[in-house]
Each structure stands twice: as structure tokens, then as C-alpha cells.
Amino acid sequence: MTPAVAPVRVASVPKPQPVKLNQARPALSPAAVRLSESIPQFRHAALRTGGSRAVVQLGAYSSRDRISTAWNTASAKFASLRGYQPHSARFEGARGTFYRLSVKGFASNREAIALCASLKRSGRACFVRNESGDAPVEFASR
């Protein structure tokens, strides 16, 4: 006689639920952006040009002088930034005047997202946004 085999119970695994990501909301409307007439010069390498309006914002600073320092520091530390065109815009907010530092020249939004993700993995804060009337900055080699 063969012993009876007990049925095997398979643990149920909950179905994965989609994760809802919060979209970053701009603190200011495009109408609040004022372009800076005199942005300092920066060092740069050969620049990419692309058809995307996406930019990767690297920071916003209270002084236009800090933009130059921030770009030189970031581009020295993160070689992946050197092929993109840095640019800045001045804007007035509830907390005063700030100067945005971004890079542009992406072939697609996906390329901008990939660069920002790479920077974040290396410890650099950034986010992707569309250009909103920002004017490119003329950069000169040092």
C-alpha cells in the first residue's frame, strides 16, 4: 500500500501595486523668470546640441558669482557634464533673486533623464525640466 501524499499549499504572493510618483511642481511660473543680462563666463568643452527642450537643473543660487563656481566645480567632478551646454537664468521669487544653473543640448528628454539619473547615482542633486524662456549663457574657456 502506498502512503497518501499530503497536498502542498503554495503561499500566495500579493500582486505588485504600481508606485505613484509625485511630480515636481515648479515653484515659479514661467512668467516669474527674468533673464539675466550679465552672466559670468564659464569654462567648457565641445558642446552637444540637440532638439529637446529638456534641461537638467543642477542648482539655484543667490548670487550670479556662485553660478560660475558651481559650474566649474560640477564639470570638474562629473565628466559627463562637460559635453553639454551650461546655461543660467535669473528669477525673482518670494525669497528673493536666484540664478538657475542648468545644462542643455539633449537629443531627447530620455537623454536628459538618463544624465540626471547618472548624476544622482554619483551623489549630485539634479532634476529635469523643460526650458521656460531661459537664455543660453555664453561660456568662455579659462
N, C-alpha and C. Protein backbone atom coordinates (compact mmCIF):
# COMPACT_ATOMS: atom_id res chain seq x y z
N MET A 1 0.81 -1.17 0.00
CA MET A 1 0.00 0.00 0.00
C MET A 1 0.88 1.26 0.00
N THR A 2 0.49 2.25 -0.78
CA THR A 2 1.26 3.48 -0.92
C THR A 2 0.69 4.52 0.04
N PRO A 3 1.60 5.21 0.79
CA PRO A 3 1.10 6.22 1.72
C PRO A 3 0.48 7.40 0.95
N ALA A 4 -0.53 8.02 1.52
CA ALA A 4 -1.20 9.16 0.89
C ALA A 4 -0.28 10.39 0.96
N VAL A 5 -0.22 11.11 -0.12
CA VAL A 5 0.60 12.32 -0.18
C VAL A 5 -0.27 13.50 0.23
N ALA A 6 0.24 14.26 1.18
CA ALA A 6 -0.49 15.44 1.65
C ALA A 6 -0.40 16.54 0.59
N PRO A 7 -1.48 17.25 0.35
CA PRO A 7 -1.43 18.34 -0.63
C PRO A 7 -0.47 19.44 -0.17
N VAL A 8 0.21 20.06 -1.12
CA VAL A 8 1.16 21.14 -0.84
C VAL A 8 0.43 22.47 -1.00
N ARG A 9 0.60 23.33 0.00
CA ARG A 9 -0.01 24.67 -0.08
C ARG A 9 1.05 25.65 -0.58
N VAL A 10 0.71 26.43 -1.56
CA VAL A 10 1.62 27.44 -2.10
C VAL A 10 1.22 28.77 -1.47
N ALA A 11 2.22 29.43 -0.93
CA ALA A 11 1.95 30.73 -0.32
C ALA A 11 1.52 31.70 -1.40
N SER A 12 0.54 32.50 -1.08
CA SER A 12 0.10 33.49 -2.07
C SER A 12 1.00 34.72 -1.97
N VAL A 13 1.37 35.23 -3.11
CA VAL A 13 2.21 36.41 -3.19
C VAL A 13 1.31 37.55 -3.62
N PRO A 14 1.31 38.65 -2.87
CA PRO A 14 0.44 39.76 -3.27
C PRO A 14 0.87 40.31 -4.62
N LYS A 15 -0.11 40.71 -5.39
CA LYS A 15 0.15 41.29 -6.70
C LYS A 15 0.85 42.64 -6.51
N PRO A 16 1.95 42.89 -7.26
CA PRO A 16 2.64 44.18 -7.10
C PRO A 16 1.71 45.33 -7.45
N GLN A 17 1.76 46.34 -6.62
CA GLN A 17 0.95 47.53 -6.84
C GLN A 17 1.81 48.60 -7.50
N PRO A 18 1.24 49.36 -8.43
CA PRO A 18 2.03 50.43 -9.04
C PRO A 18 2.38 51.49 -8.00
N VAL A 19 3.56 52.06 -8.16
CA VAL A 19 4.03 53.10 -7.26
C VAL A 19 3.68 54.44 -7.87
N LYS A 20 3.04 55.28 -7.10
CA LYS A 20 2.68 56.61 -7.59
C LYS A 20 3.83 57.56 -7.27
N LEU A 21 4.41 58.17 -8.30
CA LEU A 21 5.49 59.13 -8.12
C LEU A 21 4.90 60.53 -8.08
N ASN A 22 5.38 61.31 -7.16
CA ASN A 22 4.94 62.70 -7.10
C ASN A 22 5.70 63.50 -8.13
N GLN A 23 4.99 64.24 -8.94
CA GLN A 23 5.62 65.09 -9.93
C GLN A 23 6.12 66.35 -9.24
N ALA A 24 7.33 66.77 -9.60
CA ALA A 24 7.87 68.01 -9.07
C ALA A 24 7.06 69.16 -9.66
N ARG A 25 6.67 70.05 -8.81
CA ARG A 25 5.91 71.21 -9.27
C ARG A 25 6.83 72.42 -9.24
N PRO A 26 6.86 73.19 -10.32
CA PRO A 26 7.73 74.36 -10.32
C PRO A 26 7.26 75.36 -9.26
N ALA A 27 8.23 75.93 -8.57
CA ALA A 27 7.91 76.90 -7.53
C ALA A 27 7.44 78.22 -8.14
N LEU A 28 7.85 78.48 -9.36
CA LEU A 28 7.51 79.73 -10.01
C LEU A 28 6.90 79.47 -11.38
N SER A 29 6.06 80.35 -11.81
CA SER A 29 5.52 80.24 -13.16
C SER A 29 6.56 80.78 -14.15
N PRO A 30 6.49 80.37 -15.42
CA PRO A 30 7.42 80.92 -16.41
C PRO A 30 7.39 82.44 -16.47
N ALA A 31 6.26 83.04 -16.13
CA ALA A 31 6.16 84.50 -16.15
C ALA A 31 7.05 85.14 -15.10
N ALA A 32 7.42 84.40 -14.06
CA ALA A 32 8.25 84.96 -12.99
C ALA A 32 9.73 84.97 -13.35
N VAL A 33 10.10 84.35 -14.46
CA VAL A 33 11.51 84.26 -14.84
C VAL A 33 11.94 85.54 -15.54
N ARG A 34 13.03 86.12 -15.06
CA ARG A 34 13.63 87.27 -15.73
C ARG A 34 15.04 86.86 -16.14
N LEU A 35 15.36 87.10 -17.38
CA LEU A 35 16.66 86.70 -17.88
C LEU A 35 17.74 87.66 -17.40
N SER A 36 18.87 87.12 -17.06
CA SER A 36 19.98 87.93 -16.61
C SER A 36 20.74 88.49 -17.80
N GLU A 37 21.07 89.76 -17.74
CA GLU A 37 21.81 90.37 -18.83
C GLU A 37 23.30 90.08 -18.76
N SER A 38 23.83 89.90 -17.58
CA SER A 38 25.28 89.73 -17.46
C SER A 38 25.60 88.53 -16.58
N ILE A 39 25.68 87.38 -17.20
CA ILE A 39 26.03 86.15 -16.50
C ILE A 39 27.53 85.96 -16.65
N PRO A 40 28.23 85.53 -15.61
CA PRO A 40 29.68 85.35 -15.71
C PRO A 40 30.06 84.27 -16.72
N GLN A 41 31.30 84.33 -17.15
CA GLN A 41 31.82 83.37 -18.12
C GLN A 41 32.24 82.09 -17.42
N PHE A 42 32.14 80.96 -18.12
CA PHE A 42 32.46 79.65 -17.58
C PHE A 42 33.43 78.93 -18.50
N ARG A 43 34.12 77.93 -17.96
CA ARG A 43 34.94 77.08 -18.81
C ARG A 43 34.08 75.93 -19.32
N HIS A 44 34.38 75.44 -20.52
CA HIS A 44 33.58 74.36 -21.09
C HIS A 44 34.36 73.60 -22.15
N ALA A 45 33.86 72.46 -22.52
CA ALA A 45 34.44 71.63 -23.58
C ALA A 45 33.57 71.76 -24.82
N ALA A 46 33.83 70.94 -25.83
CA ALA A 46 32.98 70.92 -27.02
C ALA A 46 31.56 70.58 -26.59
N LEU A 47 30.60 71.32 -27.09
CA LEU A 47 29.23 71.19 -26.61
C LEU A 47 28.36 70.41 -27.57
N ARG A 48 27.41 69.68 -27.00
CA ARG A 48 26.41 68.97 -27.78
C ARG A 48 25.26 69.92 -28.06
N THR A 49 24.62 69.69 -29.16
CA THR A 49 23.38 70.41 -29.45
C THR A 49 22.33 69.36 -29.74
N GLY A 50 21.13 69.62 -29.34
CA GLY A 50 20.06 68.64 -29.54
C GLY A 50 18.73 69.32 -29.73
N GLY A 51 17.74 68.54 -30.10
CA GLY A 51 16.43 69.08 -30.39
C GLY A 51 15.48 69.14 -29.20
N SER A 52 15.87 68.58 -28.08
CA SER A 52 14.98 68.54 -26.92
C SER A 52 15.00 69.86 -26.17
N ARG A 53 13.86 70.23 -25.60
CA ARG A 53 13.78 71.43 -24.76
C ARG A 53 14.10 71.10 -23.30
N ALA A 54 14.44 69.85 -23.03
CA ALA A 54 14.75 69.44 -21.66
C ALA A 54 16.08 70.01 -21.22
N VAL A 55 16.13 70.40 -19.95
CA VAL A 55 17.38 70.80 -19.31
C VAL A 55 17.50 70.04 -18.00
N VAL A 56 18.72 69.83 -17.57
CA VAL A 56 18.97 69.23 -16.26
C VAL A 56 19.41 70.36 -15.35
N GLN A 57 18.58 70.69 -14.36
CA GLN A 57 18.92 71.76 -13.44
C GLN A 57 19.81 71.21 -12.35
N LEU A 58 20.94 71.88 -12.14
CA LEU A 58 21.94 71.46 -11.16
C LEU A 58 21.85 72.24 -9.87
N GLY A 59 21.22 73.41 -9.91
CA GLY A 59 21.11 74.19 -8.69
C GLY A 59 20.51 75.55 -8.96
N ALA A 60 20.19 76.25 -7.88
CA ALA A 60 19.73 77.64 -7.92
C ALA A 60 20.47 78.36 -6.81
N TYR A 61 21.06 79.49 -7.15
CA TYR A 61 21.97 80.16 -6.23
C TYR A 61 21.55 81.62 -6.02
N SER A 62 21.90 82.17 -4.87
CA SER A 62 21.51 83.53 -4.53
C SER A 62 22.41 84.57 -5.18
N SER A 63 23.54 84.15 -5.73
CA SER A 63 24.48 85.08 -6.34
C SER A 63 24.89 84.58 -7.72
N ARG A 64 24.97 85.49 -8.66
CA ARG A 64 25.39 85.09 -10.01
C ARG A 64 26.85 84.63 -9.99
N ASP A 65 27.66 85.12 -9.06
CA ASP A 65 29.05 84.67 -8.94
C ASP A 65 29.13 83.20 -8.55
N ARG A 66 28.17 82.72 -7.78
CA ARG A 66 28.17 81.32 -7.36
C ARG A 66 27.87 80.39 -8.53
N ILE A 67 27.21 80.88 -9.57
CA ILE A 67 26.91 80.05 -10.75
C ILE A 67 28.22 79.59 -11.39
N SER A 68 29.14 80.52 -11.59
CA SER A 68 30.42 80.19 -12.21
C SER A 68 31.18 79.16 -11.39
N THR A 69 31.26 79.38 -10.10
CA THR A 69 31.95 78.45 -9.21
C THR A 69 31.27 77.09 -9.22
N ALA A 70 29.95 77.08 -9.16
CA ALA A 70 29.20 75.81 -9.14
C ALA A 70 29.42 75.03 -10.44
N TRP A 71 29.40 75.72 -11.58
CA TRP A 71 29.62 75.02 -12.85
C TRP A 71 31.04 74.45 -12.92
N ASN A 72 32.03 75.27 -12.57
CA ASN A 72 33.41 74.79 -12.64
C ASN A 72 33.63 73.60 -11.72
N THR A 73 33.05 73.62 -10.54
CA THR A 73 33.17 72.50 -9.60
C THR A 73 32.47 71.26 -10.13
N ALA A 74 31.23 71.42 -10.58
CA ALA A 74 30.45 70.27 -11.06
C ALA A 74 31.06 69.66 -12.31
N SER A 75 31.48 70.48 -13.26
CA SER A 75 32.04 69.94 -14.51
C SER A 75 33.40 69.30 -14.28
N ALA A 76 34.13 69.74 -13.26
CA ALA A 76 35.41 69.10 -12.92
C ALA A 76 35.16 67.74 -12.26
N LYS A 77 34.13 67.65 -11.43
CA LYS A 77 33.85 66.41 -10.70
C LYS A 77 33.10 65.38 -11.54
N PHE A 78 32.21 65.84 -12.42
CA PHE A 78 31.37 64.94 -13.21
C PHE A 78 31.67 65.14 -14.69
N ALA A 79 32.53 64.29 -15.23
CA ALA A 79 32.95 64.40 -16.63
C ALA A 79 31.76 64.35 -17.59
N SER A 80 30.69 63.68 -17.21
CA SER A 80 29.52 63.56 -18.09
C SER A 80 28.86 64.91 -18.37
N LEU A 81 29.11 65.92 -17.55
CA LEU A 81 28.52 67.24 -17.77
C LEU A 81 29.24 68.03 -18.86
N ARG A 82 30.50 67.72 -19.09
CA ARG A 82 31.35 68.56 -19.94
C ARG A 82 30.88 68.66 -21.39
N GLY A 83 30.13 67.69 -21.86
CA GLY A 83 29.69 67.74 -23.25
C GLY A 83 28.40 68.51 -23.46
N TYR A 84 27.82 69.03 -22.40
CA TYR A 84 26.55 69.74 -22.51
C TYR A 84 26.76 71.23 -22.30
N GLN A 85 25.85 72.01 -22.82
CA GLN A 85 25.94 73.46 -22.73
C GLN A 85 25.34 73.95 -21.42
N PRO A 86 26.14 74.59 -20.57
CA PRO A 86 25.59 75.16 -19.35
C PRO A 86 24.84 76.45 -19.67
N HIS A 87 23.81 76.72 -18.92
CA HIS A 87 23.12 77.99 -19.08
C HIS A 87 22.45 78.37 -17.77
N SER A 88 22.06 79.64 -17.69
CA SER A 88 21.51 80.16 -16.46
C SER A 88 20.42 81.17 -16.76
N ALA A 89 19.56 81.38 -15.79
CA ALA A 89 18.53 82.41 -15.86
C ALA A 89 18.32 82.97 -14.47
N ARG A 90 18.02 84.22 -14.42
CA ARG A 90 17.73 84.88 -13.15
C ARG A 90 16.22 84.87 -12.96
N PHE A 91 15.78 84.59 -11.73
CA PHE A 91 14.35 84.68 -11.47
C PHE A 91 14.11 85.25 -10.09
N GLU A 92 12.97 85.92 -9.98
CA GLU A 92 12.55 86.55 -8.73
C GLU A 92 11.51 85.66 -8.08
N GLY A 93 11.70 85.35 -6.83
CA GLY A 93 10.74 84.53 -6.10
C GLY A 93 10.37 85.20 -4.79
N ALA A 94 9.54 84.54 -4.03
CA ALA A 94 9.11 85.08 -2.74
C ALA A 94 10.28 85.27 -1.79
N ARG A 95 11.34 84.47 -1.98
CA ARG A 95 12.51 84.55 -1.09
C ARG A 95 13.65 85.35 -1.69
N GLY A 96 13.40 86.06 -2.79
CA GLY A 96 14.44 86.90 -3.38
C GLY A 96 14.84 86.47 -4.78
N THR A 97 16.00 86.96 -5.22
CA THR A 97 16.52 86.68 -6.55
C THR A 97 17.40 85.44 -6.51
N PHE A 98 17.20 84.55 -7.50
CA PHE A 98 18.02 83.35 -7.61
C PHE A 98 18.47 83.18 -9.05
N TYR A 99 19.57 82.47 -9.21
CA TYR A 99 20.15 82.19 -10.51
C TYR A 99 20.20 80.68 -10.70
N ARG A 100 19.50 80.18 -11.72
CA ARG A 100 19.46 78.74 -12.00
C ARG A 100 20.70 78.34 -12.79
N LEU A 101 21.26 77.20 -12.46
CA LEU A 101 22.33 76.60 -13.27
C LEU A 101 21.80 75.30 -13.84
N SER A 102 21.79 75.20 -15.16
CA SER A 102 21.29 74.01 -15.85
C SER A 102 22.24 73.66 -16.99
N VAL A 103 22.06 72.46 -17.54
CA VAL A 103 22.75 72.08 -18.77
C VAL A 103 21.69 71.68 -19.79
N LYS A 104 22.01 71.94 -21.06
CA LYS A 104 21.09 71.58 -22.13
C LYS A 104 21.88 71.03 -23.30
N GLY A 105 21.18 70.68 -24.38
CA GLY A 105 21.83 70.12 -25.55
C GLY A 105 21.49 68.65 -25.74
N PHE A 106 20.35 68.24 -25.22
CA PHE A 106 19.95 66.83 -25.26
C PHE A 106 19.20 66.52 -26.55
N ALA A 107 19.47 65.35 -27.09
CA ALA A 107 18.77 64.89 -28.29
C ALA A 107 17.32 64.54 -27.96
N SER A 108 17.07 64.14 -26.71
CA SER A 108 15.72 63.74 -26.30
C SER A 108 15.56 63.95 -24.81
N ASN A 109 14.31 63.93 -24.36
CA ASN A 109 14.04 64.02 -22.92
C ASN A 109 14.65 62.82 -22.20
N ARG A 110 14.62 61.67 -22.85
CA ARG A 110 15.16 60.44 -22.26
C ARG A 110 16.66 60.60 -21.96
N GLU A 111 17.39 61.28 -22.85
CA GLU A 111 18.82 61.52 -22.63
C GLU A 111 19.03 62.40 -21.40
N ALA A 112 18.19 63.43 -21.24
CA ALA A 112 18.30 64.30 -20.07
C ALA A 112 18.01 63.52 -18.79
N ILE A 113 16.99 62.69 -18.82
CA ILE A 113 16.63 61.87 -17.65
C ILE A 113 17.77 60.92 -17.31
N ALA A 114 18.39 60.33 -18.33
CA ALA A 114 19.50 59.40 -18.10
C ALA A 114 20.70 60.11 -17.48
N LEU A 115 21.02 61.32 -17.95
CA LEU A 115 22.14 62.07 -17.37
C LEU A 115 21.85 62.39 -15.91
N CYS A 116 20.65 62.88 -15.61
CA CYS A 116 20.30 63.23 -14.23
C CYS A 116 20.36 61.99 -13.34
N ALA A 117 19.86 60.86 -13.82
CA ALA A 117 19.91 59.62 -13.03
C ALA A 117 21.35 59.22 -12.74
N SER A 118 22.22 59.38 -13.72
CA SER A 118 23.64 59.06 -13.54
C SER A 118 24.27 59.99 -12.51
N LEU A 119 23.95 61.28 -12.59
CA LEU A 119 24.48 62.24 -11.62
C LEU A 119 23.99 61.92 -10.20
N LYS A 120 22.71 61.56 -10.08
CA LYS A 120 22.16 61.22 -8.76
C LYS A 120 22.85 60.00 -8.17
N ARG A 121 23.13 59.00 -9.02
CA ARG A 121 23.84 57.80 -8.53
C ARG A 121 25.23 58.16 -8.01
N SER A 122 25.80 59.24 -8.56
CA SER A 122 27.13 59.69 -8.14
C SER A 122 27.07 60.71 -7.01
N GLY A 123 25.87 61.01 -6.51
CA GLY A 123 25.73 61.91 -5.37
C GLY A 123 25.41 63.35 -5.69
N ARG A 124 25.12 63.67 -6.94
CA ARG A 124 24.81 65.05 -7.33
C ARG A 124 23.30 65.24 -7.42
N ALA A 125 22.77 66.25 -6.77
CA ALA A 125 21.34 66.55 -6.86
C ALA A 125 21.06 67.22 -8.20
N CYS A 126 19.93 66.87 -8.80
CA CYS A 126 19.51 67.48 -10.07
C CYS A 126 18.05 67.12 -10.31
N PHE A 127 17.45 67.78 -11.29
CA PHE A 127 16.14 67.36 -11.78
C PHE A 127 16.00 67.84 -13.22
N VAL A 128 15.10 67.20 -13.94
CA VAL A 128 14.87 67.52 -15.35
C VAL A 128 13.63 68.40 -15.46
N ARG A 129 13.74 69.44 -16.26
CA ARG A 129 12.60 70.32 -16.53
C ARG A 129 12.72 70.79 -17.97
N ASN A 130 11.68 71.40 -18.50
CA ASN A 130 11.74 71.99 -19.83
C ASN A 130 12.21 73.42 -19.72
N GLU A 131 12.90 73.89 -20.75
CA GLU A 131 13.30 75.29 -20.80
C GLU A 131 12.04 76.14 -20.72
N SER A 132 12.10 77.20 -19.96
CA SER A 132 10.93 78.08 -19.84
C SER A 132 11.37 79.52 -20.06
N GLY A 133 11.85 79.79 -21.25
CA GLY A 133 12.30 81.14 -21.56
C GLY A 133 13.70 81.42 -21.10
N ASP A 134 14.43 80.40 -20.65
CA ASP A 134 15.81 80.60 -20.20
C ASP A 134 16.69 80.94 -21.40
N ALA A 135 17.61 81.85 -21.22
CA ALA A 135 18.54 82.22 -22.29
C ALA A 135 19.86 81.50 -22.08
N PRO A 136 20.45 80.97 -23.16
CA PRO A 136 21.75 80.31 -23.00
C PRO A 136 22.81 81.31 -22.54
N VAL A 137 23.75 80.83 -21.78
CA VAL A 137 24.85 81.65 -21.29
C VAL A 137 26.03 81.46 -22.23
N GLU A 138 26.71 82.53 -22.55
CA GLU A 138 27.95 82.44 -23.33
C GLU A 138 29.05 82.02 -22.37
N PHE A 139 29.75 80.95 -22.72
CA PHE A 139 30.82 80.45 -21.87
C PHE A 139 32.15 80.62 -22.57
N ALA A 140 33.15 81.05 -21.82
CA ALA A 140 34.49 81.22 -22.38
C ALA A 140 35.45 80.30 -21.66
N SER A 141 36.44 79.81 -22.38
CA SER A 141 37.45 78.93 -21.76
C SER A 141 38.34 79.76 -20.85
N ARG A 142 38.81 79.13 -19.79
CA ARG A 142 39.76 79.79 -18.90
C ARG A 142 41.16 79.42 -19.28
